[in-house]
Amino acid sequence: MEWLELISLSLQSVLTIIINPLFWVVLFLIYFQYKKVVRMEAKLLGKEKATARERVLSSLGVGIIGGLLGTVVVSVLGVAIELEDFRFILPLAIFLMLINVRYLCFSYAGGILSISSLIFGFPKVNVSSIIALVAVLHLIESILIWIDGHNNPTPIFIEHDKYGTVGGFTLQRFWPIPFAVLLVVLSKLSGTTDINLPDWWPLFISRSLDVDNITLQLTVVIAALGYGDIAITSSPREKSKKSSLRLGLYSIILLILAGISSYIYAFKFIAAIFTPVAHEALIIYSQREEKNRMPIYKKHHSGLTVLDVKKDSIGEKMGIKPGFVILKANNYYINEKEELLYLLNQFPTYLWIEALDEKGNKIILEHTDFSKGINSIGTIVIPKSSNFVVSTGENVSIIKNLVKKIFKKR
């Protein structure tokens, strides 16, 4: 009963996030990032898959669910932080995001703060609680990646060393995560509610504090989580699931290290270093995996490989999907994009396509339009070369882009 009361109070407090100015700042930053994604899509597709506003609303809905789940985990485990623990972490995460978008992650900010506290004594933070908080957030992120990481992937072209121009998808999702944490108050507050919980609770709290003479106050904070990845050798859904499982394992290991560090001081250093280093290692490993394995969206000896299909297009209605290889159209062999365009420029009223699906099975797809004819099927195919080649190792730095714009004006 006590657990239910604690969880209920925690979830109710999350609903007050809407009056927090920082919440709106985080939403604006997320909107700004999605605007850049939308501009990239518009260049390649002629029209974005979803507007920045639609993406923000989608991320907000998923983020709130993640925040509520995180609140339950934090409350049950008893991740208690002091005010200084959280005063620096979000501003530092936002600053790191300005250096590189993928640094919008508490693993880097939390790791840097913890290492600085252990070595230089500033800022004074409870390392175990910080690391536990990072672990819980990444556990939530792994769940969000599983259910939402593959949504609205942006098609791109990449220059591969072996296969020439190949297709792929960038996966970019950003989530605002409002959740409640337990804030250590060194005095009794008026209007507080006493809840009797087990002796081991809270699990993550500074052992230098007298637990019997402190008050734990529920406080709502806002975190921003970002997922950035690239899918070249697997579909966006397969890639996001793989990333989710790896990040989930990382989170569990980190939570164990945080728990041990609450009792063994040396493990504070191990946990603090492991936090950013292991997270960066996951990203580097994923990038190398994509580089060394065979891409699935590549040009074949015959036929046209489909990278993506526009929403509500004729191609989508016909059942064409990413990874399909168009072999024939109206009984004409199709090996280049221009050959398909030439056929469609005749406005045929009937279109018959022979293709290979993702598993290599031959299929027949058909569509008729006797009133207007068929001028486009709305597919993005792998060309011989492209003017929209993206560098996978590009450093997406807001500061760097601003400096470039300033010097260009001069």
Protein backbone atom coordinates (compact mmCIF):
# COMPACT_ATOMS: atom_id res chain seq x y z
CA MET A 1 0.00 0.00 0.00
CA GLU A 2 2.83 2.38 0.88
CA TRP A 3 4.49 1.75 -2.50
CA LEU A 4 1.25 2.57 -4.31
CA GLU A 5 0.89 5.80 -2.33
CA LEU A 6 4.46 6.84 -3.18
CA ILE A 7 4.04 6.02 -6.87
CA SER A 8 0.68 7.85 -6.97
CA LEU A 9 2.19 11.00 -5.45
CA SER A 10 5.13 10.78 -7.85
CA LEU A 11 2.94 10.47 -10.95
CA GLN A 12 0.71 13.35 -9.82
CA SER A 13 3.73 15.60 -9.42
CA VAL A 14 4.83 14.90 -13.03
CA LEU A 15 1.66 16.58 -14.31
CA THR A 16 2.90 19.94 -12.96
CA ILE A 17 5.75 19.98 -15.52
CA ILE A 18 3.70 22.13 -17.91
CA ILE A 19 4.31 25.23 -15.74
CA ASN A 20 8.08 24.67 -15.71
CA PRO A 21 9.82 27.16 -18.11
CA LEU A 22 12.67 24.69 -18.66
CA PHE A 23 10.16 22.24 -20.11
CA TRP A 24 9.32 24.73 -22.88
CA VAL A 25 13.02 25.45 -23.50
CA VAL A 26 13.65 21.74 -24.05
CA LEU A 27 10.64 21.52 -26.40
CA PHE A 28 11.99 24.46 -28.43
CA LEU A 29 15.42 22.80 -28.75
CA ILE A 30 13.77 19.57 -29.91
CA TYR A 31 11.67 21.51 -32.42
CA PHE A 32 14.85 23.18 -33.74
CA GLN A 33 16.49 19.80 -34.29
CA TYR A 34 13.45 18.42 -36.11
CA LYS A 35 13.38 21.49 -38.37
CA LYS A 36 16.84 20.50 -39.64
CA VAL A 37 15.65 16.95 -40.29
CA VAL A 38 12.61 18.28 -42.19
CA ARG A 39 14.81 20.48 -44.41
CA MET A 40 16.96 17.46 -45.33
CA GLU A 41 13.89 15.43 -46.24
CA ALA A 42 12.44 18.24 -48.35
CA LYS A 43 15.64 18.35 -50.43
CA LEU A 44 15.53 14.66 -51.20
CA LEU A 45 11.79 13.91 -51.30
CA GLY A 46 10.46 17.28 -52.43
CA LYS A 47 8.27 17.18 -49.31
CA GLU A 48 8.88 16.18 -45.70
CA LYS A 49 7.45 12.92 -44.35
CA ALA A 50 6.11 14.74 -41.30
CA THR A 51 6.34 18.35 -40.18
CA ALA A 52 8.54 19.44 -37.28
CA ARG A 53 5.40 20.18 -35.27
CA GLU A 54 4.02 16.69 -35.85
CA ARG A 55 7.33 15.14 -34.82
CA VAL A 56 7.49 17.23 -31.63
CA LEU A 57 3.94 16.24 -30.65
CA SER A 58 4.73 12.58 -31.33
CA SER A 59 7.96 12.77 -29.30
CA LEU A 60 6.15 14.60 -26.48
CA GLY A 61 3.54 11.86 -26.19
CA VAL A 62 6.13 9.08 -26.14
CA GLY A 63 8.40 11.12 -23.82
CA ILE A 64 5.64 11.61 -21.23
CA ILE A 65 4.99 7.85 -21.20
CA GLY A 66 8.73 7.29 -20.72
CA GLY A 67 8.82 9.90 -17.96
CA LEU A 68 5.97 8.23 -16.08
CA LEU A 69 7.71 4.87 -16.36
CA GLY A 70 10.98 6.41 -15.19
CA THR A 71 9.18 8.00 -12.24
CA VAL A 72 7.94 4.59 -11.10
CA VAL A 73 11.44 3.06 -11.34
CA VAL A 74 13.10 6.01 -9.53
CA SER A 75 10.49 5.90 -6.77
CA VAL A 76 10.70 2.14 -6.20
CA LEU A 77 14.52 2.03 -6.19
CA GLY A 78 14.83 5.21 -4.18
CA VAL A 79 17.23 7.24 -6.32
CA ALA A 80 17.65 10.20 -3.97
CA ILE A 81 19.60 13.22 -5.16
CA GLU A 82 20.70 16.44 -3.56
CA LEU A 83 20.00 19.81 -5.17
CA GLU A 84 23.60 20.20 -6.36
CA ASP A 85 23.39 16.84 -8.12
CA PHE A 86 20.94 18.10 -10.70
CA ARG A 87 21.76 21.81 -10.90
CA PHE A 88 24.51 21.32 -13.48
CA ILE A 89 23.58 18.19 -15.40
CA LEU A 90 20.87 19.51 -17.76
CA PRO A 91 22.67 22.80 -18.63
CA LEU A 92 25.83 20.78 -19.32
CA ALA A 93 23.87 18.33 -21.52
CA ILE A 94 22.43 21.26 -23.51
CA PHE A 95 25.92 22.81 -23.90
CA LEU A 96 27.34 19.49 -25.12
CA MET A 97 24.45 19.27 -27.61
CA LEU A 98 25.64 22.58 -29.11
CA ILE A 99 29.03 20.94 -29.74
CA ASN A 100 27.50 17.79 -31.24
CA VAL A 101 23.81 16.91 -31.38
CA ARG A 102 24.35 13.32 -30.27
CA TYR A 103 25.86 14.57 -26.99
CA LEU A 104 22.31 15.49 -25.88
CA CYS A 105 22.64 12.61 -23.49
CA PHE A 106 22.98 12.40 -19.71
CA SER A 107 25.67 9.73 -19.99
CA TYR A 108 28.18 12.37 -21.11
CA ALA A 109 27.01 15.17 -18.82
CA GLY A 110 26.59 12.83 -15.84
CA GLY A 111 29.95 11.14 -16.44
CA ILE A 112 31.82 14.46 -16.78
CA LEU A 113 30.22 15.88 -13.63
CA SER A 114 30.97 12.73 -11.64
CA ILE A 115 34.60 12.57 -12.76
CA SER A 116 35.07 16.27 -12.01
CA SER A 117 33.54 15.84 -8.56
CA LEU A 118 35.75 12.84 -7.72
CA ILE A 119 39.01 14.38 -8.98
CA PHE A 120 38.61 18.12 -8.35
CA GLY A 121 35.88 18.17 -5.72
CA PHE A 122 33.65 20.41 -7.85
CA PRO A 123 30.77 20.31 -8.11
CA LYS A 124 30.01 18.31 -4.98
CA VAL A 125 27.60 15.65 -6.18
CA ASN A 126 26.45 12.24 -5.05
CA VAL A 127 28.13 10.20 -7.78
CA SER A 128 26.17 7.01 -7.07
CA SER A 129 22.83 8.80 -7.40
CA ILE A 130 23.90 10.63 -10.57
CA ILE A 131 25.03 7.38 -12.21
CA ALA A 132 21.88 5.57 -11.08
CA LEU A 133 19.78 8.37 -12.56
CA VAL A 134 21.67 8.11 -15.86
CA ALA A 135 21.16 4.33 -15.84
CA VAL A 136 17.40 4.66 -15.28
CA LEU A 137 17.08 7.29 -18.02
CA HIS A 138 18.95 5.08 -20.49
CA LEU A 139 16.82 2.12 -19.53
CA ILE A 140 13.79 4.24 -20.40
CA GLU A 141 15.53 5.40 -23.58
CA SER A 142 16.13 1.80 -24.64
CA ILE A 143 12.39 1.17 -24.33
CA LEU A 144 11.56 4.34 -26.28
CA ILE A 145 14.01 3.36 -29.03
CA TRP A 146 12.33 -0.06 -29.28
CA ILE A 147 8.86 1.40 -29.74
CA ASP A 148 9.60 4.75 -31.44
CA GLY A 149 13.20 4.85 -32.70
CA HIS A 150 12.33 3.65 -36.21
CA ASN A 151 9.53 6.15 -36.82
CA ASN A 152 9.93 8.74 -39.61
CA PRO A 153 13.40 7.61 -40.78
CA THR A 154 15.04 9.99 -43.25
CA PRO A 155 16.29 8.37 -46.49
CA ILE A 156 19.84 9.31 -47.48
CA PHE A 157 22.47 8.36 -50.03
CA ILE A 158 25.98 7.41 -48.94
CA GLU A 159 29.15 6.87 -50.92
CA HIS A 160 30.37 3.38 -50.02
CA ASP A 161 34.01 2.39 -50.65
CA LYS A 162 33.02 -0.93 -52.24
CA TYR A 163 29.47 -0.54 -53.56
CA GLY A 164 29.47 3.08 -54.74
CA THR A 165 26.29 5.06 -54.03
CA VAL A 166 24.10 3.14 -51.58
CA GLY A 167 20.95 4.04 -49.71
CA GLY A 168 20.25 4.15 -46.02
CA PHE A 169 18.23 5.89 -43.34
CA THR A 170 19.13 8.28 -40.58
CA LEU A 171 17.19 7.62 -37.39
CA GLN A 172 16.78 10.78 -35.35
CA ARG A 173 14.38 10.99 -32.47
CA PHE A 174 14.38 13.39 -29.51
CA TRP A 175 12.20 13.00 -26.42
CA PRO A 176 11.43 15.39 -23.53
CA ILE A 177 11.26 13.25 -20.39
CA PRO A 178 9.45 14.83 -17.41
CA PHE A 179 9.82 12.70 -14.30
CA ALA A 180 9.81 12.95 -10.52
CA VAL A 181 12.92 12.44 -8.39
CA LEU A 182 13.49 12.31 -4.67
CA LEU A 183 15.26 15.46 -3.50
CA VAL A 184 17.14 15.36 -0.19
CA VAL A 185 16.04 18.13 2.20
CA LEU A 186 18.06 18.45 5.41
CA SER A 187 15.10 19.62 7.47
CA LYS A 188 11.47 18.75 8.08
CA LEU A 189 9.04 20.44 5.67
CA SER A 190 5.53 21.52 6.59
CA GLY A 191 2.68 19.75 4.83
CA THR A 192 4.71 16.60 4.12
CA THR A 193 3.28 13.10 4.00
CA ASP A 194 4.94 10.30 6.00
CA ILE A 195 5.16 6.98 4.19
CA ASN A 196 6.62 3.90 5.89
CA LEU A 197 8.91 2.07 3.48
CA PRO A 198 11.50 -0.77 3.87
CA ASP A 199 14.75 -0.11 5.78
CA TRP A 200 16.88 -0.56 2.65
CA TRP A 201 15.02 2.27 0.92
CA PRO A 202 16.24 4.62 -0.51
CA LEU A 203 18.89 2.49 -2.16
CA PHE A 204 20.81 5.29 -3.92
CA ILE A 205 21.63 7.97 -1.36
CA SER A 206 24.83 9.45 0.07
CA ARG A 207 25.98 7.27 2.98
CA SER A 208 27.30 10.39 4.72
CA LEU A 209 23.73 11.57 5.35
CA ASP A 210 21.71 10.68 8.43
CA VAL A 211 18.76 9.03 6.71
CA ASP A 212 16.63 9.20 9.88
CA ASN A 213 16.87 12.99 10.06
CA ILE A 214 16.25 14.06 6.48
CA THR A 215 13.18 14.61 4.36
CA LEU A 216 12.81 13.33 0.82
CA GLN A 217 10.79 15.73 -1.30
CA LEU A 218 9.28 14.76 -4.65
CA THR A 219 10.59 17.18 -7.28
CA VAL A 220 9.80 17.22 -10.99
CA VAL A 221 12.69 17.60 -13.42
CA ILE A 222 12.91 17.60 -17.20
CA ALA A 223 15.42 15.55 -19.14
CA ALA A 224 16.01 15.44 -22.88
CA LEU A 225 16.95 12.17 -24.53
CA GLY A 226 18.08 11.85 -28.13
CA TYR A 227 18.56 8.84 -30.36
CA GLY A 228 20.68 9.17 -33.47
CA ASP A 229 21.69 6.22 -35.63
CA ILE A 230 22.06 5.17 -39.24
CA ALA A 231 20.62 2.08 -40.93
CA ILE A 232 22.54 0.86 -43.98
CA THR A 233 22.88 -2.88 -43.48
CA SER A 234 19.46 -3.41 -41.88
CA SER A 235 16.01 -1.86 -41.95
CA PRO A 236 15.23 1.06 -39.58
CA ARG A 237 13.06 -1.18 -37.40
CA GLU A 238 15.72 -3.92 -37.14
CA LYS A 239 18.42 -1.31 -36.43
CA SER A 240 16.44 0.40 -33.67
CA LYS A 241 15.65 -2.93 -31.98
CA LYS A 242 19.30 -3.91 -32.05
CA SER A 243 20.31 -0.53 -30.60
CA SER A 244 17.60 -0.84 -27.94
CA LEU A 245 18.85 -4.22 -26.70
CA ARG A 246 22.46 -3.00 -26.49
CA LEU A 247 21.48 0.17 -24.65
CA GLY A 248 19.30 -1.84 -22.29
CA LEU A 249 22.27 -4.06 -21.38
CA TYR A 250 24.44 -0.96 -20.89
CA SER A 251 21.79 0.49 -18.54
CA ILE A 252 21.57 -2.63 -16.40
CA ILE A 253 25.37 -2.84 -16.02
CA LEU A 254 25.47 0.85 -15.13
CA LEU A 255 22.74 0.46 -12.53
CA ILE A 256 24.65 -2.42 -10.91
CA LEU A 257 27.85 -0.34 -10.82
CA ALA A 258 25.92 2.56 -9.27
CA GLY A 259 24.52 0.26 -6.59
CA ILE A 260 27.96 -1.18 -5.71
CA SER A 261 29.48 2.33 -5.68
CA SER A 262 27.04 3.30 -2.93
CA TYR A 263 28.99 0.98 -0.62
CA ILE A 264 32.48 0.72 -2.18
CA TYR A 265 34.11 4.10 -2.89
CA ALA A 266 36.49 2.83 -5.60
CA PHE A 267 33.52 1.83 -7.73
CA LYS A 268 32.51 5.48 -7.97
CA PHE A 269 35.51 6.03 -10.26
CA ILE A 270 34.72 2.87 -12.24
CA ALA A 271 31.06 3.87 -12.68
CA ALA A 272 31.91 7.50 -13.55
CA ILE A 273 34.39 6.48 -16.26
CA PHE A 274 32.26 3.62 -17.58
CA THR A 275 29.25 5.92 -18.09
CA PRO A 276 30.52 8.08 -21.03
CA VAL A 277 33.21 5.69 -22.31
CA ALA A 278 30.92 2.66 -22.70
CA HIS A 279 28.20 4.81 -24.27
CA GLU A 280 30.65 6.21 -26.83
CA ALA A 281 31.96 2.68 -27.48
CA LEU A 282 28.41 1.54 -28.34
CA ILE A 283 28.11 4.31 -30.92
CA ILE A 284 31.52 3.65 -32.48
CA TYR A 285 30.83 -0.09 -32.65
CA SER A 286 27.48 0.54 -34.33
CA GLN A 287 29.09 2.86 -36.91
CA ARG A 288 31.82 0.34 -37.75
CA GLU A 289 29.26 -2.44 -38.00
CA GLU A 290 27.34 -0.43 -40.60
CA LYS A 291 30.53 0.32 -42.50
CA ASN A 292 31.88 -3.24 -42.63
CA ARG A 293 28.71 -5.22 -43.41
CA MET A 294 26.99 -5.43 -46.80
CA PRO A 295 24.42 -2.66 -47.36
CA ILE A 296 20.91 -3.85 -48.23
CA TYR A 297 19.91 -0.76 -50.19
CA LYS A 298 22.48 -1.01 -53.00
CA LYS A 299 22.33 -1.03 -56.78
CA HIS A 300 22.14 -4.53 -58.30
CA HIS A 301 23.38 -5.71 -61.70
CA SER A 302 19.82 -5.56 -63.01
CA GLY A 303 16.73 -3.73 -61.80
CA LEU A 304 16.15 -0.68 -59.60
CA THR A 305 16.49 -0.95 -55.82
CA VAL A 306 13.79 0.93 -53.91
CA LEU A 307 15.03 2.92 -50.91
CA ASP A 308 11.79 4.50 -49.78
CA VAL A 309 8.18 5.02 -50.83
CA LYS A 310 6.31 8.30 -50.35
CA LYS A 311 3.22 8.24 -48.17
CA ASP A 312 -0.11 7.92 -50.03
CA SER A 313 1.72 7.47 -53.36
CA ILE A 314 0.77 5.04 -56.12
CA GLY A 315 3.82 2.96 -55.20
CA GLU A 316 2.55 2.60 -51.63
CA LYS A 317 -0.92 1.64 -52.90
CA MET A 318 0.67 -1.00 -55.17
CA GLY A 319 2.50 -2.50 -52.21
CA ILE A 320 6.06 -1.46 -53.10
CA LYS A 321 8.29 -1.39 -50.00
CA PRO A 322 11.87 -0.35 -49.19
CA GLY A 323 14.29 -3.04 -50.34
CA PHE A 324 12.19 -4.16 -53.31
CA VAL A 325 14.00 -4.45 -56.67
CA ILE A 326 11.95 -3.38 -59.70
CA LEU A 327 12.88 -5.68 -62.61
CA LYS A 328 10.25 -4.86 -65.24
CA ALA A 329 7.56 -2.25 -65.84
CA ASN A 330 4.90 -3.00 -68.47
CA ASN A 331 7.17 -5.77 -69.73
CA TYR A 332 10.14 -3.41 -70.26
CA TYR A 333 13.36 -4.24 -68.41
CA ILE A 334 14.22 -1.43 -65.96
CA ASN A 335 17.86 -0.94 -64.99
CA GLU A 336 18.12 2.84 -64.60
CA LYS A 337 15.95 5.48 -63.02
CA GLU A 338 15.68 7.31 -66.37
CA GLU A 339 14.13 4.23 -68.03
CA LEU A 340 11.33 4.15 -65.48
CA LEU A 341 10.79 7.91 -65.80
CA TYR A 342 10.60 7.63 -69.60
CA LEU A 343 7.87 5.00 -69.32
CA LEU A 344 5.88 7.01 -66.76
CA ASN A 345 6.15 10.17 -68.86
CA GLN A 346 3.87 8.42 -71.37
CA PHE A 347 1.08 8.55 -68.73
CA PRO A 348 0.15 4.85 -69.01
CA THR A 349 -3.34 4.04 -67.72
CA TYR A 350 -2.19 0.58 -66.62
CA LEU A 351 1.04 -0.22 -64.81
CA TRP A 352 2.34 -3.76 -64.36
CA ILE A 353 5.53 -4.22 -62.32
CA GLU A 354 7.60 -7.33 -61.78
CA ALA A 355 9.81 -7.05 -58.71
CA LEU A 356 11.80 -8.93 -56.07
CA ASP A 357 10.67 -8.48 -52.45
CA GLU A 358 13.02 -8.21 -49.44
CA LYS A 359 13.43 -12.01 -49.38
CA GLY A 360 14.21 -12.28 -53.12
CA ASN A 361 10.82 -13.68 -54.12
CA LYS A 362 9.37 -12.57 -57.48
CA ILE A 363 6.08 -10.71 -57.18
CA ILE A 364 3.70 -8.95 -59.58
CA LEU A 365 2.20 -5.55 -58.70
CA GLU A 366 -0.47 -3.71 -60.67
CA HIS A 367 -2.28 -0.37 -60.75
CA THR A 368 -4.76 1.32 -63.11
CA ASP A 369 -5.83 4.94 -63.59
CA PHE A 370 -8.00 5.32 -66.69
CA SER A 371 -8.91 8.96 -66.00
CA LYS A 372 -5.52 10.67 -65.62
CA GLY A 373 -2.88 8.04 -66.34
CA ILE A 374 0.12 7.24 -64.16
CA ASN A 375 2.97 9.76 -64.16
CA SER A 376 4.73 8.88 -60.89
CA ILE A 377 4.78 6.02 -58.43
CA GLY A 378 6.44 8.03 -55.63
CA THR A 379 9.49 5.84 -55.03
CA ILE A 380 13.06 6.81 -54.20
CA VAL A 381 15.48 4.45 -55.94
CA ILE A 382 19.23 3.95 -55.75
CA PRO A 383 20.87 5.90 -58.61
CA LYS A 384 24.35 5.58 -60.12
CA SER A 385 25.31 8.71 -58.23
CA SER A 386 23.54 11.42 -56.25
CA ASN A 387 23.93 15.09 -55.41
CA PHE A 388 22.62 14.39 -51.90
CA VAL A 389 25.39 12.15 -50.57
CA VAL A 390 25.69 12.39 -46.79
CA SER A 391 28.86 11.81 -44.77
CA THR A 392 28.21 9.30 -41.96
CA GLY A 393 31.06 10.71 -39.89
CA GLU A 394 29.82 14.30 -40.08
CA ASN A 395 30.04 16.24 -36.83
CA VAL A 396 26.64 17.89 -36.44
CA SER A 397 27.67 20.92 -34.40
CA ILE A 398 25.32 23.84 -33.82
CA ILE A 399 28.20 26.06 -32.69
CA LYS A 400 30.26 25.16 -35.75
CA ASN A 401 27.34 25.90 -38.09
CA LEU A 402 26.72 29.28 -36.43
CA VAL A 403 30.39 30.24 -36.76
CA LYS A 404 30.31 29.31 -40.46
CA LYS A 405 27.23 31.46 -41.03
CA ILE A 406 28.81 34.44 -39.24
CA PHE A 407 32.01 34.26 -41.32
CA LYS A 408 30.02 33.82 -44.54
CA LYS A 409 28.17 37.08 -43.88
CA ARG A 410 31.47 38.87 -43.42
